[in-house]
Protein backbone atom coordinates (compact mmCIF):
# COMPACT_ATOMS: atom_id res chain seq x y z
CA MET A 1 193.44 50.80 150.02
CA PRO A 2 190.23 52.80 150.05
CA THR A 3 188.39 53.31 146.72
CA VAL A 4 187.79 56.97 145.61
CA GLN A 5 184.31 57.23 144.13
CA LYS A 6 181.73 59.86 143.03
CA LEU A 7 179.97 61.40 146.02
CA ASP A 8 176.48 59.90 146.19
CA TYR A 9 173.83 59.42 148.98
CA ARG A 10 174.73 55.77 149.52
CA MET A 11 177.93 56.93 150.94
CA ILE A 12 176.22 59.25 153.48
CA GLU A 13 173.83 56.43 154.42
CA LYS A 14 176.59 54.20 155.03
CA TYR A 15 177.98 56.74 157.39
CA LEU A 16 174.75 57.14 159.28
CA LYS A 17 174.13 53.35 159.58
CA GLY A 18 177.79 52.82 160.58
CA ARG A 19 177.22 55.34 163.46
CA ASP A 20 173.86 53.95 164.34
CA LEU A 21 172.11 57.41 163.77
CA LYS A 22 168.49 57.51 163.30
CA TYR A 23 167.81 59.79 160.27
CA LEU A 24 165.08 61.23 158.14
CA ARG A 25 165.29 62.19 154.42
CA ASP A 26 163.60 65.09 152.77
CA SER A 27 162.28 65.48 149.20
CA ASP A 28 165.69 66.49 147.91
CA GLY A 29 167.32 63.32 149.31
CA ASP A 30 169.31 65.10 152.05
CA TYR A 31 169.61 63.56 155.51
CA GLN A 32 168.48 65.08 158.71
CA VAL A 33 169.66 63.73 162.15
CA GLY A 34 168.22 65.18 165.33
CA PHE A 35 170.09 65.36 168.62
CA THR A 36 168.20 66.11 171.81
CA TYR A 37 168.65 69.02 174.26
CA ASP A 38 172.20 68.95 175.86
CA GLU A 39 172.79 70.99 179.00
CA ASP A 40 176.37 71.62 177.85
CA PHE A 41 174.86 73.28 174.86
CA GLY A 42 171.76 74.93 176.08
CA CYS A 43 169.88 73.75 172.89
CA SER A 44 169.10 70.71 170.74
CA LEU A 45 170.82 70.40 167.41
CA THR A 46 169.78 69.14 163.95
CA VAL A 47 172.50 67.90 161.57
CA TRP A 48 171.80 68.13 157.83
CA LEU A 49 174.05 66.13 155.47
CA ILE A 50 173.49 67.63 151.95
CA VAL A 51 174.84 66.84 148.40
CA SER A 52 174.59 70.09 146.30
CA GLY A 53 175.91 71.87 143.37
CA GLN A 54 175.13 71.48 139.73
CA SER A 55 177.12 68.41 139.31
CA ARG A 56 176.18 67.16 142.76
CA ASP A 57 179.72 67.20 143.95
CA THR A 58 179.74 69.38 146.89
CA TYR A 59 179.10 67.73 150.43
CA MET A 60 177.77 69.96 153.25
CA VAL A 61 177.22 69.06 156.90
CA LEU A 62 174.91 71.95 158.15
CA VAL A 63 174.15 72.13 161.86
CA MET A 64 171.21 74.18 163.14
CA SER A 65 169.90 74.60 166.66
CA ASP A 66 166.62 75.48 168.28
CA LYS A 67 168.20 78.39 170.02
CA HIS A 68 166.49 81.55 168.60
CA ILE A 69 168.56 84.71 168.75
CA PRO A 70 166.40 87.80 169.35
CA LYS A 71 167.12 90.91 167.11
CA SER A 72 168.50 92.76 170.30
CA ASP A 73 171.33 90.01 170.42
CA TRP A 74 172.26 89.92 166.69
CA ALA A 75 175.28 92.16 167.00
CA ARG A 76 176.59 90.11 170.01
CA ALA A 77 175.93 86.93 167.97
CA ILE A 78 177.82 88.06 164.87
CA MET A 79 180.74 88.94 166.91
CA LEU A 80 180.66 85.64 168.69
CA CYS A 81 180.51 83.95 165.13
CA ASN A 82 183.41 86.14 164.02
CA THR A 83 185.56 85.31 166.98
CA TRP A 84 184.92 81.52 166.54
CA ASN A 85 185.78 81.87 162.83
CA LYS A 86 188.86 83.84 163.46
CA GLU A 87 190.17 81.35 166.14
CA ARG A 88 189.19 78.04 164.62
CA ARG A 89 189.16 76.37 161.17
CA TRP A 90 185.70 74.77 161.27
CA PRO A 91 182.77 74.69 161.18
CA LYS A 92 181.99 78.20 159.78
CA ALA A 93 179.58 79.99 162.07
CA TYR A 94 177.17 82.64 160.98
CA LEU A 95 173.94 84.33 161.98
CA SER A 96 171.14 83.51 159.59
CA VAL A 97 168.24 85.85 159.28
CA ASN A 98 165.70 85.62 156.51
CA ASN A 99 164.53 89.27 156.28
CA PRO A 100 166.64 91.56 158.60
CA ASP A 101 163.96 94.31 158.18
CA ALA A 102 160.97 92.12 159.26
CA ASP A 103 162.37 89.34 161.32
CA THR A 104 162.67 89.51 165.12
CA ILE A 105 164.70 86.36 165.49
CA GLY A 106 167.69 84.67 163.76
CA GLU A 107 169.71 81.58 164.39
CA ILE A 108 173.35 80.64 164.34
CA ARG A 109 174.09 78.11 161.60
CA LEU A 110 177.39 75.99 161.51
CA GLU A 111 178.48 74.43 158.27
CA HIS A 112 181.39 72.50 156.81
CA GLN A 113 181.73 72.04 153.02
CA ILE A 114 183.89 70.11 150.53
CA HIS A 115 183.99 70.26 146.85
CA LEU A 116 184.45 66.74 145.62
CA LYS A 117 184.65 66.80 141.85
CA MET A 118 187.49 64.26 141.80
CA GLY A 119 185.46 62.08 144.28
CA ILE A 120 186.01 60.80 147.77
CA HIS A 121 186.66 57.59 149.75
CA GLN A 122 184.25 56.35 152.49
CA GLU A 123 186.74 56.85 155.15
CA LEU A 124 187.39 60.52 154.44
CA LEU A 125 183.59 61.12 154.19
CA ASN A 126 183.30 59.49 157.67
CA ASP A 127 186.03 61.55 158.97
CA PHE A 128 184.86 64.76 157.46
CA THR A 129 181.30 64.12 158.76
CA ASP A 130 182.61 63.43 162.30
CA MET A 131 184.87 66.48 162.37
CA ALA A 132 181.84 68.77 161.32
CA ILE A 133 179.53 67.35 163.94
CA SER A 134 182.22 67.30 166.76
CA GLY A 135 183.07 70.99 165.75
CA ALA A 136 179.49 71.90 166.05
CA TYR A 137 179.34 70.43 169.57
CA LEU A 138 182.69 72.46 170.52
CA PHE A 139 181.01 75.58 169.12
CA TRP A 140 177.77 75.19 171.20
CA ARG A 141 179.54 74.23 174.48
CA TRP A 142 181.82 77.30 173.98
CA ALA A 143 179.02 79.68 173.03
CA HIS A 144 176.85 78.41 175.98
CA LYS A 145 179.19 77.76 178.66
CA GLU A 146 181.97 80.37 178.06
CA GLN A 147 180.07 83.08 176.24
CA GLY A 148 176.86 82.84 177.95
CA LEU A 149 174.67 82.49 174.69
């Protein structure tokens, strides 16, 4: 029977090593995995595996792409994200813009979060992470191939 334990970075590293993924770590200890350009997505993806929250008990998989959305397409991108979020459970999709008054480009971000105050076992963390990453693949395939983004 799997053992429930407090979320920590060792669990994430175990996931990454188990999937034979090459990764980097930032100064906060979060993990970054880069995936090369894919014709089906029309972009390359960067996956962040993040532990956050005051008690360090929230796990987030954040997926970003190198596809820049020009300001002229922001409304379309927002509608596309809204459609995705209405029709699918995860990952959450949104247009991210730092300063809407000054910026000329934005980006679509995909995220999947889980609060783990009571802990998690390795198998669930692995499954959660796999689901978030495969959901991001599905989003970008849908956005690129079916929606023309």
